[in-house]
Amino acid sequence: MPTSQQPETPGWPRTSASLAGTLIALAATADDASIIDVHLTQAARLAADTLAAVDYASITAWRGQGYTTVAASSELALAVDQAQYADRAGPCLHSLETATPVGVPDIAATMSWPGFYRSAHELGLHASLSIPLFAGSGVPIAVLNLYGRDTATMAPLIAGVRTVYTGRPPPTGNQPGMDTGAHQLLTGLAQALTVRATIQQAIGVLMARNERNAAETYRQLRLRAAETGDSLIDTATALLASAATPHSHPES
């Protein structure tokens, strides 16, 4: 968790939003919306502030022709990110490229990413977790990187995120290592995945009707939401409700 000695990203937004709410809002936001980076920066700050196992957090994204850190709770997190960009290899890049969480429960034992290992080891970090984040299209747009000094407290967090991404419900109750912040993260990820599934289902309905590919159909859904002033998730939910009504057809 951050201390007063850890520099924050300039312009770091201070809001009362929760980590879970931020992840859910991101999943329901169009990829090209101007608020995307606000959500991403907020997710990094809230993760560093609320997750007891996490000492530093950052956001990695592909922008233009390379990887960049959109937000970081500390210069230490930024340094570990940049070591991975320099090598073009590491858990955060692998997570973004494969759209799967990548946990490193013991950095000292990793052999796959030497640049990541050296940087993290020099800074006293012993475990990490990179989590793909997505917006309205359902395609990962960034990765939330969580870095910790204690392997024992990071292990339940890594296991919990893996559970959620396999489609199972997040751990409940007072399980070891599952503090309030961890429950917020896992609940937010689970609900964000539900939002994504709803939007993808609506895209599937439109694809079947209009015989367009997924990218074109997402843009169609995005345009419909913009025209009505509704959110993507509300537009998708309404479309699915209409499609489920007997003798009705979703609008093209």
Foldseek 3Di string as FASTA:
>chain_A
DEDPPFDWDPPQDDDPDALLRLLQQQAQADPPDPCNLVSQSPNQVRLCVQQPQFPKKWKWFQDDDFIDTSTIGGVLVRQLVVLCRVVVDDQFNVCLVVVAKDKDLALVPDDGRVSNSVSCVVVQWTIKMWHFGHYHLLRGGIIMITTGNDSVLVVLLNVQRNCLVVPHQGDDDDDPNCDPSSVSNRNSSNSSVVLNVLLVVLLVLVCVVPVDDSVVSSVVLVVVCVVVVHTSSVSSVVQVVQCPDPPGGRDD
